[in-house]
Amino acid sequence: MAFASWGCPDPEAPTEDYVSDKIGTLKYVPAGSFRRDGGADNVSVIADPFRMSRYEITRAQFAAIMGTDPSDGNYSGGDGDPAQMTNWYHAMAFCNKLSLAEGLTPVYAVAGVDFAALSYAGIPTTSDDAAWNAAAAAWTNDGYRLPTEMEWMWAAMGADISDPGEMNATGYLKAFAGSTGSNAMEDYAVFGFYIPGETGRTTTERTNPVGSKADGANELGLFDMSGNVWEWCWDWSAVYPSGTIQSDSAAGRGAASGDYKIGRGGGWNGWASSCAVACRYNDAPGYRDNDLGFRVVRP
């Protein structure tokens, strides 16, 4: 019996934060619905709650799981900064290897790849690897994975609903994660180093330690959802169809294929506008840069 079809809570669904001994706390994100853009009927429904890492994955955490820290030290202050120079394949491999390290069931499968034996050097660095681009996801497994774009957006806006069942119709308009409309972006986001005249821009030519904006968590207690590094999501980049989309449907997990993967949140050297909850970025899955990293989710 599908509990949800009878309006009953799923007894297996998460109800609280999860603490990993490898990457720390993952914050609980409830189910809910929100308008994803200016279209009045363009509603995204997050069907199942999940947990999201409070911070972006750090250089130290990435090295501990993958055996290598690929980050460019010229644009980082140390191991507590977010991992960068990570492509989408690196992020996906990290999720599976972290799952294995914690005795969880990995989500991703790539033809011909044994993730237990996979080394960092065995991960593609160009974007034309057919097997990795065709990676499959077992969405009900209990391991770590990248957020879908809809999950990321819902978490960034704070999953902010005043009553159960109410739709969030305005969160997509937030200038940054944690915005109330009157608070200052520079108290929440590391951004804008290279942009002359950007109000509140970071004064360092690099990433900052995760959670460096000590009072800058959003409504869910998530830090750096805006700024520091862009964050890879699962989805291939494409225009969403109009109307209501369920997060547990094929449409809710992005296009079936494509050339570019979605990134969200803005980075340390980007415009303030890139910190907006609705801002979308995309790049080839093999692309690496010093302002591009990720965070993870699990059930």
C-alpha atoms as a PDB file:
ATOM      1  CA  MET A   1       0.000   0.000   0.000  1.00  0.00           C
ATOM      2  CA  ALA A   2       1.306   3.485  -0.845  1.00  0.00           C
ATOM      3  CA  PHE A   3       0.787   5.470   2.355  1.00  0.00           C
ATOM      4  CA  ALA A   4       0.807   8.797   0.540  1.00  0.00           C
ATOM      5  CA  SER A   5      -2.173   7.765  -1.582  1.00  0.00           C
ATOM      6  CA  TRP A   6      -4.282   7.591   1.570  1.00  0.00           C
ATOM      7  CA  GLY A   7      -3.041  10.896   2.936  1.00  0.00           C
ATOM      8  CA  CYS A   8      -1.022   9.200   5.666  1.00  0.00           C
ATOM      9  CA  PRO A   9       2.595   9.997   6.490  1.00  0.00           C
ATOM     10  CA  ASP A  10       5.170   7.543   5.225  1.00  0.00           C
ATOM     11  CA  PRO A  11       6.657   5.898   8.357  1.00  0.00           C
ATOM     12  CA  GLU A  12      10.031   5.620   6.594  1.00  0.00           C
ATOM     13  CA  ALA A  13      10.222   9.347   5.791  1.00  0.00           C
ATOM     14  CA  PRO A  14      12.758  11.433   7.736  1.00  0.00           C
ATOM     15  CA  THR A  15      11.435  13.640  10.496  1.00  0.00           C
ATOM     16  CA  GLU A  16      14.604  15.173  11.937  1.00  0.00           C
ATOM     17  CA  ASP A  17      18.214  16.100  11.220  1.00  0.00           C
ATOM     18  CA  TYR A  18      20.766  13.403  10.443  1.00  0.00           C
ATOM     19  CA  VAL A  19      24.325  13.457  11.771  1.00  0.00           C
ATOM     20  CA  SER A  20      27.067  11.890   9.675  1.00  0.00           C
ATOM     21  CA  ASP A  21      30.387  11.083  11.324  1.00  0.00           C
ATOM     22  CA  LYS A  22      32.054  11.970   7.998  1.00  0.00           C
ATOM     23  CA  ILE A  23      30.428  15.269   6.976  1.00  0.00           C
ATOM     24  CA  GLY A  24      28.478  16.479  10.021  1.00  0.00           C
ATOM     25  CA  THR A  25      24.832  17.497  10.217  1.00  0.00           C
ATOM     26  CA  LEU A  26      22.313  17.229   7.422  1.00  0.00           C
ATOM     27  CA  LYS A  27      19.314  19.478   8.063  1.00  0.00           C
ATOM     28  CA  TYR A  28      15.764  18.218   7.725  1.00  0.00           C
ATOM     29  CA  VAL A  29      13.862  19.663   4.755  1.00  0.00           C
ATOM     30  CA  PRO A  30      10.084  19.066   4.839  1.00  0.00           C
ATOM     31  CA  ALA A  31       7.846  18.256   1.906  1.00  0.00           C
ATOM     32  CA  GLY A  32       5.951  21.156   0.389  1.00  0.00           C
ATOM     33  CA  SER A  33       5.207  23.108  -2.766  1.00  0.00           C
ATOM     34  CA  PHE A  34       6.372  26.365  -4.292  1.00  0.00           C
ATOM     35  CA  ARG A  35       6.150  28.544  -7.348  1.00  0.00           C
ATOM     36  CA  ARG A  36       9.405  28.100  -9.242  1.00  0.00           C
ATOM     37  CA  ASP A  37       9.141  31.204 -11.452  1.00  0.00           C
ATOM     38  CA  GLY A  38       6.775  33.993 -12.475  1.00  0.00           C
ATOM     39  CA  GLY A  39       4.228  31.666 -14.042  1.00  0.00           C
ATOM     40  CA  ALA A  40       1.239  31.503 -11.714  1.00  0.00           C
ATOM     41  CA  ASP A  41       0.633  27.840 -12.559  1.00  0.00           C
ATOM     42  CA  ASN A  42       4.279  26.762 -12.501  1.00  0.00           C
ATOM     43  CA  VAL A  43       4.253  24.936  -9.180  1.00  0.00           C
ATOM     44  CA  SER A  44       6.853  22.429  -8.012  1.00  0.00           C
ATOM     45  CA  VAL A  45       5.820  19.851  -5.429  1.00  0.00           C
ATOM     46  CA  ILE A  46       8.451  18.322  -3.148  1.00  0.00           C
ATOM     47  CA  ALA A  47       6.746  15.031  -2.471  1.00  0.00           C
ATOM     48  CA  ASP A  48       9.137  13.605   0.105  1.00  0.00           C
ATOM     49  CA  PRO A  49      11.153  15.228   2.889  1.00  0.00           C
ATOM     50  CA  PHE A  50      14.917  14.839   2.768  1.00  0.00           C
ATOM     51  CA  ARG A  51      18.062  15.940   4.594  1.00  0.00           C
ATOM     52  CA  MET A  52      20.665  18.327   3.129  1.00  0.00           C
ATOM     53  CA  SER A  53      24.212  18.939   4.339  1.00  0.00           C
ATOM     54  CA  ARG A  54      24.356  22.061   6.464  1.00  0.00           C
ATOM     55  CA  TYR A  55      27.545  23.149   4.709  1.00  0.00           C
ATOM     56  CA  GLU A  56      29.108  22.719   1.312  1.00  0.00           C
ATOM     57  CA  ILE A  57      31.440  19.713   1.196  1.00  0.00           C
ATOM     58  CA  THR A  58      34.845  20.879   2.393  1.00  0.00           C
ATOM     59  CA  ARG A  59      38.282  20.215   1.003  1.00  0.00           C
ATOM     60  CA  ALA A  60      39.100  18.045   4.030  1.00  0.00           C
ATOM     61  CA  GLN A  61      35.926  15.991   3.659  1.00  0.00           C
ATOM     62  CA  PHE A  62      36.469  15.469  -0.056  1.00  0.00           C
ATOM     63  CA  ALA A  63      40.079  14.373   0.493  1.00  0.00           C
ATOM     64  CA  ALA A  64      39.099  11.974   3.289  1.00  0.00           C
ATOM     65  CA  ILE A  65      36.633  10.144   1.034  1.00  0.00           C
ATOM     66  CA  MET A  66      38.319  10.461  -2.357  1.00  0.00           C
ATOM     67  CA  GLY A  67      41.987  10.375  -1.318  1.00  0.00           C
ATOM     68  CA  THR A  68      42.691  13.607  -3.205  1.00  0.00           C
ATOM     69  CA  ASP A  69      41.877  17.274  -2.784  1.00  0.00           C
ATOM     70  CA  PRO A  70      41.667  18.799  -6.272  1.00  0.00           C
ATOM     71  CA  SER A  71      41.055  22.338  -5.024  1.00  0.00           C
ATOM     72  CA  ASP A  72      43.150  25.236  -6.256  1.00  0.00           C
ATOM     73  CA  GLY A  73      44.930  26.475  -3.135  1.00  0.00           C
ATOM     74  CA  ASN A  74      45.547  29.850  -4.726  1.00  0.00           C
ATOM     75  CA  TYR A  75      41.824  30.538  -4.348  1.00  0.00           C
ATOM     76  CA  SER A  76      41.217  28.909  -0.977  1.00  0.00           C
ATOM     77  CA  GLY A  77      42.122  29.691   2.626  1.00  0.00           C
ATOM     78  CA  GLY A  78      42.443  26.096   3.845  1.00  0.00           C
ATOM     79  CA  ASP A  79      40.888  22.672   4.354  1.00  0.00           C
ATOM     80  CA  GLY A  80      37.743  24.118   5.923  1.00  0.00           C
ATOM     81  CA  ASP A  81      36.848  25.944   2.729  1.00  0.00           C
ATOM     82  CA  PRO A  82      34.515  24.262   0.246  1.00  0.00           C
ATOM     83  CA  ALA A  83      36.067  21.781  -2.152  1.00  0.00           C
ATOM     84  CA  GLN A  84      36.371  23.315  -5.609  1.00  0.00           C
ATOM     85  CA  MET A  85      37.755  22.279  -8.973  1.00  0.00           C
ATOM     86  CA  THR A  86      35.270  19.408  -8.698  1.00  0.00           C
ATOM     87  CA  ASN A  87      33.322  18.457 -11.786  1.00  0.00           C
ATOM     88  CA  TRP A  88      29.885  16.839 -11.764  1.00  0.00           C
ATOM     89  CA  TYR A  89      31.388  13.368 -12.079  1.00  0.00           C
ATOM     90  CA  HIS A  90      33.565  14.008  -9.017  1.00  0.00           C
ATOM     91  CA  ALA A  91      30.513  15.080  -7.034  1.00  0.00           C
ATOM     92  CA  MET A  92      28.556  11.991  -8.033  1.00  0.00           C
ATOM     93  CA  ALA A  93      31.483   9.680  -7.221  1.00  0.00           C
ATOM     94  CA  PHE A  94      31.896  11.354  -3.821  1.00  0.00           C
ATOM     95  CA  CYS A  95      28.245  10.640  -3.031  1.00  0.00           C
ATOM     96  CA  ASN A  96      28.609   6.930  -3.775  1.00  0.00           C
ATOM     97  CA  LYS A  97      31.917   6.520  -1.978  1.00  0.00           C
ATOM     98  CA  LEU A  98      30.595   8.399   1.064  1.00  0.00           C
ATOM     99  CA  SER A  99      27.566   6.099   1.066  1.00  0.00           C
ATOM    100  CA  LEU A 100      29.827   3.032   1.020  1.00  0.00           C
ATOM    101  CA  ALA A 101      32.006   4.481   3.795  1.00  0.00           C
ATOM    102  CA  GLU A 102      28.921   4.838   6.012  1.00  0.00           C
ATOM    103  CA  GLY A 103      27.355   1.465   5.170  1.00  0.00           C
ATOM    104  CA  LEU A 104      24.544   3.017   3.123  1.00  0.00           C
ATOM    105  CA  THR A 105      23.298   1.851  -0.266  1.00  0.00           C
ATOM    106  CA  PRO A 106      24.725   3.988  -3.087  1.00  0.00           C
ATOM    107  CA  VAL A 107      22.262   5.816  -5.303  1.00  0.00           C
ATOM    108  CA  TYR A 108      24.215   6.043  -8.549  1.00  0.00           C
ATOM    109  CA  ALA A 109      25.228   3.379 -11.042  1.00  0.00           C
ATOM    110  CA  VAL A 110      27.557   3.812 -14.006  1.00  0.00           C
ATOM    111  CA  ALA A 111      28.036   0.963 -16.454  1.00  0.00           C
ATOM    112  CA  GLY A 112      31.373  -0.756 -15.919  1.00  0.00           C
ATOM    113  CA  VAL A 113      32.297   1.234 -12.785  1.00  0.00           C
ATOM    114  CA  ASP A 114      32.946  -0.358  -9.385  1.00  0.00           C
ATOM    115  CA  PHE A 115      32.696   2.609  -7.055  1.00  0.00           C
ATOM    116  CA  ALA A 116      34.256   0.722  -4.154  1.00  0.00           C
ATOM    117  CA  ALA A 117      37.433   0.299  -6.191  1.00  0.00           C
ATOM    118  CA  LEU A 118      37.226   3.593  -8.073  1.00  0.00           C
ATOM    119  CA  SER A 119      40.126   5.992  -7.551  1.00  0.00           C
ATOM    120  CA  TYR A 120      40.029   9.731  -8.034  1.00  0.00           C
ATOM    121  CA  ALA A 121      42.238   9.311 -11.092  1.00  0.00           C
ATOM    122  CA  GLY A 122      39.613   7.047 -12.668  1.00  0.00           C
ATOM    123  CA  ILE A 123      36.954   9.784 -12.802  1.00  0.00           C
ATOM    124  CA  PRO A 124      36.461  11.489 -16.181  1.00  0.00           C
ATOM    125  CA  THR A 125      37.858  14.972 -16.652  1.00  0.00           C
ATOM    126  CA  THR A 126      36.223  15.628 -20.028  1.00  0.00           C
ATOM    127  CA  SER A 127      32.497  15.864 -20.639  1.00  0.00           C
ATOM    128  CA  ASP A 128      32.070  13.277 -23.372  1.00  0.00           C
ATOM    129  CA  ASP A 129      32.058  10.075 -21.309  1.00  0.00           C
ATOM    130  CA  ALA A 130      28.953   8.243 -22.504  1.00  0.00           C
ATOM    131  CA  ALA A 131      28.765   5.815 -19.580  1.00  0.00           C
ATOM    132  CA  TRP A 132      29.022   8.509 -16.906  1.00  0.00           C
ATOM    133  CA  ASN A 133      26.595  10.769 -18.760  1.00  0.00           C
ATOM    134  CA  ALA A 134      24.084   7.900 -18.743  1.00  0.00           C
ATOM    135  CA  ALA A 135      24.404   7.390 -14.961  1.00  0.00           C
ATOM    136  CA  ALA A 136      21.281   5.928 -13.387  1.00  0.00           C
ATOM    137  CA  ALA A 137      19.877   6.902  -9.994  1.00  0.00           C
ATOM    138  CA  ALA A 138      18.047   4.558  -7.621  1.00  0.00           C
ATOM    139  CA  TRP A 139      16.028   7.245  -5.906  1.00  0.00           C
ATOM    140  CA  THR A 140      14.721   5.104  -3.049  1.00  0.00           C
ATOM    141  CA  ASN A 141      18.163   3.978  -1.864  1.00  0.00           C
ATOM    142  CA  ASP A 142      19.309   5.403   1.466  1.00  0.00           C
ATOM    143  CA  GLY A 143      22.700   6.707   0.317  1.00  0.00           C
ATOM    144  CA  TYR A 144      23.930  10.180  -0.493  1.00  0.00           C
ATOM    145  CA  ARG A 145      23.223  11.981  -3.742  1.00  0.00           C
ATOM    146  CA  LEU A 146      23.215  15.430  -5.303  1.00  0.00           C
ATOM    147  CA  PRO A 147      20.037  17.456  -4.828  1.00  0.00           C
ATOM    148  CA  THR A 148      17.757  17.841  -7.782  1.00  0.00           C
ATOM    149  CA  GLU A 149      17.357  21.427  -8.903  1.00  0.00           C
ATOM    150  CA  MET A 150      13.857  21.593  -7.430  1.00  0.00           C
ATOM    151  CA  GLU A 151      15.096  20.244  -4.075  1.00  0.00           C
ATOM    152  CA  TRP A 152      17.934  22.749  -4.053  1.00  0.00           C
ATOM    153  CA  MET A 153      15.597  25.657  -4.772  1.00  0.00           C
ATOM    154  CA  TRP A 154      13.097  24.587  -2.104  1.00  0.00           C
ATOM    155  CA  ALA A 155      15.867  24.271   0.486  1.00  0.00           C
ATOM    156  CA  ALA A 156      17.454  27.600  -0.539  1.00  0.00           C
ATOM    157  CA  MET A 157      14.191  29.485  -0.061  1.00  0.00           C
ATOM    158  CA  GLY A 158      13.983  27.916   3.397  1.00  0.00           C
ATOM    159  CA  ALA A 159      11.075  25.523   2.707  1.00  0.00           C
ATOM    160  CA  ASP A 160       9.193  28.439   4.154  1.00  0.00           C
ATOM    161  CA  ILE A 161       5.481  27.736   4.684  1.00  0.00           C
ATOM    162  CA  SER A 162       3.414  29.011   7.560  1.00  0.00           C
ATOM    163  CA  ASP A 163       0.846  26.213   7.456  1.00  0.00           C
ATOM    164  CA  PRO A 164       1.144  22.580   6.300  1.00  0.00           C
ATOM    165  CA  GLY A 165      -0.099  22.254   2.744  1.00  0.00           C
ATOM    166  CA  GLU A 166       0.334  25.944   1.954  1.00  0.00           C
ATOM    167  CA  MET A 167       2.225  26.803  -1.230  1.00  0.00           C
ATOM    168  CA  ASN A 168       5.172  29.199  -1.106  1.00  0.00           C
ATOM    169  CA  ALA A 169       4.371  31.653  -3.881  1.00  0.00           C
ATOM    170  CA  THR A 170       7.151  34.210  -3.361  1.00  0.00           C
ATOM    171  CA  GLY A 171      10.317  32.382  -2.240  1.00  0.00           C
ATOM    172  CA  TYR A 172      11.653  32.232  -5.792  1.00  0.00           C
ATOM    173  CA  LEU A 173      11.936  36.045  -5.664  1.00  0.00           C
ATOM    174  CA  LYS A 174      14.450  36.066  -2.800  1.00  0.00           C
ATOM    175  CA  ALA A 175      17.658  37.943  -3.606  1.00  0.00           C
ATOM    176  CA  PHE A 176      19.630  35.374  -1.610  1.00  0.00           C
ATOM    177  CA  ALA A 177      19.037  32.393   0.646  1.00  0.00           C
ATOM    178  CA  GLY A 178      17.933  33.740   4.019  1.00  0.00           C
ATOM    179  CA  SER A 179      16.643  37.035   2.667  1.00  0.00           C
ATOM    180  CA  THR A 180      13.789  38.702   4.525  1.00  0.00           C
ATOM    181  CA  GLY A 181      13.711  41.664   2.179  1.00  0.00           C
ATOM    182  CA  SER A 182      15.423  43.918   4.709  1.00  0.00           C
ATOM    183  CA  ASN A 183      18.548  42.050   5.828  1.00  0.00           C
ATOM    184  CA  ALA A 184      21.939  42.445   4.132  1.00  0.00           C
ATOM    185  CA  MET A 185      23.324  39.982   1.601  1.00  0.00           C
ATOM    186  CA  GLU A 186      26.884  40.504   2.861  1.00  0.00           C
ATOM    187  CA  ASP A 187      25.826  38.959   6.197  1.00  0.00           C
ATOM    188  CA  TYR A 188      24.769  35.767   4.411  1.00  0.00           C
ATOM    189  CA  ALA A 189      26.850  35.296   1.273  1.00  0.00           C
ATOM    190  CA  VAL A 190      30.484  35.374   0.125  1.00  0.00           C
ATOM    191  CA  PHE A 191      30.301  36.977  -3.300  1.00  0.00           C
ATOM    192  CA  GLY A 192      31.482  39.602  -5.725  1.00  0.00           C
ATOM    193  CA  PHE A 193      35.253  39.812  -5.316  1.00  0.00           C
ATOM    194  CA  TYR A 194      35.915  40.599  -8.968  1.00  0.00           C
ATOM    195  CA  ILE A 195      32.965  42.918  -9.417  1.00  0.00           C
ATOM    196  CA  PRO A 196      33.847  46.600  -8.883  1.00  0.00           C
ATOM    197  CA  GLY A 197      31.191  48.441  -6.940  1.00  0.00           C
ATOM    198  CA  GLU A 198      29.340  45.362  -5.688  1.00  0.00           C
ATOM    199  CA  THR A 199      27.938  46.271  -2.287  1.00  0.00           C
ATOM    200  CA  GLY A 200      29.099  43.865   0.409  1.00  0.00           C
ATOM    201  CA  ARG A 201      31.484  41.986  -1.836  1.00  0.00           C
ATOM    202  CA  THR A 202      33.985  39.656  -0.183  1.00  0.00           C
ATOM    203  CA  THR A 203      37.360  41.239   0.481  1.00  0.00           C
ATOM    204  CA  THR A 204      39.353  38.062  -0.160  1.00  0.00           C
ATOM    205  CA  GLU A 205      40.276  36.731  -3.571  1.00  0.00           C
ATOM    206  CA  ARG A 206      39.192  33.217  -2.667  1.00  0.00           C
ATOM    207  CA  THR A 207      36.582  31.011  -1.056  1.00  0.00           C
ATOM    208  CA  ASN A 208      35.921  31.426   2.669  1.00  0.00           C
ATOM    209  CA  PRO A 209      35.541  28.642   5.258  1.00  0.00           C
ATOM    210  CA  VAL A 210      32.111  27.036   5.093  1.00  0.00           C
ATOM    211  CA  GLY A 211      29.704  28.774   7.450  1.00  0.00           C
ATOM    212  CA  SER A 212      31.984  31.818   7.719  1.00  0.00           C
ATOM    213  CA  LYS A 213      28.898  34.026   7.884  1.00  0.00           C
ATOM    214  CA  ALA A 214      28.211  32.881  11.424  1.00  0.00           C
ATOM    215  CA  ASP A 215      24.741  34.423  11.607  1.00  0.00           C
ATOM    216  CA  GLY A 216      23.987  33.752   7.955  1.00  0.00           C
ATOM    217  CA  ALA A 217      22.068  30.480   7.962  1.00  0.00           C
ATOM    218  CA  ASN A 218      18.748  30.456   6.138  1.00  0.00           C
ATOM    219  CA  GLU A 219      15.435  29.407   7.692  1.00  0.00           C
ATOM    220  CA  LEU A 220      16.453  25.727   7.656  1.00  0.00           C
ATOM    221  CA  GLY A 221      19.863  26.309   9.204  1.00  0.00           C
ATOM    222  CA  LEU A 222      21.732  25.865   5.902  1.00  0.00           C
ATOM    223  CA  PHE A 223      24.836  27.993   5.303  1.00  0.00           C
ATOM    224  CA  ASP A 224      26.293  29.308   2.039  1.00  0.00           C
ATOM    225  CA  MET A 225      23.292  28.360  -0.078  1.00  0.00           C
ATOM    226  CA  SER A 226      24.112  31.672  -1.723  1.00  0.00           C
ATOM    227  CA  GLY A 227      27.736  32.452  -2.492  1.00  0.00           C
ATOM    228  CA  ASN A 228      31.113  30.864  -1.704  1.00  0.00           C
ATOM    229  CA  VAL A 229      30.943  28.235  -4.485  1.00  0.00           C
ATOM    230  CA  TRP A 230      28.356  27.321  -7.074  1.00  0.00           C
ATOM    231  CA  GLU A 231      26.788  23.954  -6.271  1.00  0.00           C
ATOM    232  CA  TRP A 232      26.229  21.114  -8.720  1.00  0.00           C
ATOM    233  CA  CYS A 233      22.720  19.658  -8.914  1.00  0.00           C
ATOM    234  CA  TRP A 234      21.675  16.347 -10.473  1.00  0.00           C
ATOM    235  CA  ASP A 235      19.695  17.757 -13.405  1.00  0.00           C
ATOM    236  CA  TRP A 236      20.614  18.196 -17.011  1.00  0.00           C
ATOM    237  CA  SER A 237      19.929  21.781 -17.988  1.00  0.00           C
ATOM    238  CA  ALA A 238      16.605  22.310 -19.751  1.00  0.00           C
ATOM    239  CA  VAL A 239      13.517  24.494 -19.631  1.00  0.00           C
ATOM    240  CA  TYR A 240      10.930  23.051 -17.276  1.00  0.00           C
ATOM    241  CA  PRO A 241       7.526  22.303 -18.771  1.00  0.00           C
ATOM    242  CA  SER A 242       4.752  24.565 -17.555  1.00  0.00           C
ATOM    243  CA  GLY A 243       2.259  23.562 -14.897  1.00  0.00           C
ATOM    244  CA  THR A 244       2.629  21.481 -11.749  1.00  0.00           C
ATOM    245  CA  ILE A 245       5.637  19.170 -11.483  1.00  0.00           C
ATOM    246  CA  GLN A 246       6.113  16.479  -8.848  1.00  0.00           C
ATOM    247  CA  SER A 247       9.654  16.075  -7.529  1.00  0.00           C
ATOM    248  CA  ASP A 248       9.364  12.278  -7.667  1.00  0.00           C
ATOM    249  CA  SER A 249       8.422  12.287 -11.355  1.00  0.00           C
ATOM    250  CA  ALA A 250      10.786  12.124 -14.319  1.00  0.00           C
ATOM    251  CA  ALA A 251      10.071  15.779 -15.104  1.00  0.00           C
ATOM    252  CA  GLY A 252      10.854  16.731 -11.523  1.00  0.00           C
ATOM    253  CA  ARG A 253      14.357  15.295 -11.882  1.00  0.00           C
ATOM    254  CA  GLY A 254      15.240  17.213 -15.012  1.00  0.00           C
ATOM    255  CA  ALA A 255      15.743  16.277 -18.631  1.00  0.00           C
ATOM    256  CA  ALA A 256      16.706  12.724 -19.566  1.00  0.00           C
ATOM    257  CA  SER A 257      19.900  13.896 -21.257  1.00  0.00           C
ATOM    258  CA  GLY A 258      21.710  17.021 -22.361  1.00  0.00           C
ATOM    259  CA  ASP A 259      25.036  18.772 -22.702  1.00  0.00           C
ATOM    260  CA  TYR A 260      25.129  20.753 -19.458  1.00  0.00           C
ATOM    261  CA  LYS A 261      24.419  20.133 -15.785  1.00  0.00           C
ATOM    262  CA  ILE A 262      22.752  22.650 -13.480  1.00  0.00           C
ATOM    263  CA  GLY A 263      24.600  24.636 -10.827  1.00  0.00           C
ATOM    264  CA  ARG A 264      22.993  26.903  -8.254  1.00  0.00           C
ATOM    265  CA  GLY A 265      23.762  29.522  -5.634  1.00  0.00           C
ATOM    266  CA  GLY A 266      26.486  31.811  -6.934  1.00  0.00           C
ATOM    267  CA  GLY A 267      30.155  31.964  -5.993  1.00  0.00           C
ATOM    268  CA  TRP A 268      32.794  34.054  -4.257  1.00  0.00           C
ATOM    269  CA  ASN A 269      33.721  35.947  -7.414  1.00  0.00           C
ATOM    270  CA  GLY A 270      30.269  36.426  -8.940  1.00  0.00           C
ATOM    271  CA  TRP A 271      27.644  39.154  -9.167  1.00  0.00           C
ATOM    272  CA  ALA A 272      25.208  39.692  -6.318  1.00  0.00           C
ATOM    273  CA  SER A 273      22.477  38.734  -8.793  1.00  0.00           C
ATOM    274  CA  SER A 274      23.964  35.236  -9.046  1.00  0.00           C
ATOM    275  CA  CYS A 275      23.114  34.690  -5.357  1.00  0.00           C
ATOM    276  CA  ALA A 276      19.385  34.923  -6.094  1.00  0.00           C
ATOM    277  CA  VAL A 277      17.357  31.818  -5.281  1.00  0.00           C
ATOM    278  CA  ALA A 278      16.019  31.688  -8.854  1.00  0.00           C
ATOM    279  CA  CYS A 279      19.401  32.144 -10.590  1.00  0.00           C
ATOM    280  CA  ARG A 280      20.348  29.174 -12.795  1.00  0.00           C
ATOM    281  CA  TYR A 281      23.828  28.287 -14.003  1.00  0.00           C
ATOM    282  CA  ASN A 282      24.889  25.425 -16.214  1.00  0.00           C
ATOM    283  CA  ASP A 283      28.091  23.904 -17.477  1.00  0.00           C
ATOM    284  CA  ALA A 284      29.437  20.722 -18.992  1.00  0.00           C
ATOM    285  CA  PRO A 285      29.663  17.821 -16.500  1.00  0.00           C
ATOM    286  CA  GLY A 286      33.434  17.615 -16.885  1.00  0.00           C
ATOM    287  CA  TYR A 287      33.982  21.325 -16.252  1.00  0.00           C
ATOM    288  CA  ARG A 288      36.039  22.401 -13.223  1.00  0.00           C
ATOM    289  CA  ASP A 289      36.582  25.832 -11.709  1.00  0.00           C
ATOM    290  CA  ASN A 290      37.765  27.465  -8.491  1.00  0.00           C
ATOM    291  CA  ASP A 291      34.243  28.649  -7.631  1.00  0.00           C
ATOM    292  CA  LEU A 292      32.397  25.381  -8.281  1.00  0.00           C
ATOM    293  CA  GLY A 293      31.642  22.736  -5.634  1.00  0.00           C
ATOM    294  CA  PHE A 294      28.626  20.933  -4.158  1.00  0.00           C
ATOM    295  CA  ARG A 295      26.652  19.743  -1.152  1.00  0.00           C
ATOM    296  CA  VAL A 296      24.746  16.481  -0.683  1.00  0.00           C
ATOM    297  CA  VAL A 297      21.354  15.151   0.376  1.00  0.00           C
ATOM    298  CA  ARG A 298      19.952  11.816   1.556  1.00  0.00           C
ATOM    299  CA  PRO A 299      16.537  10.582   2.724  1.00  0.00           C
END
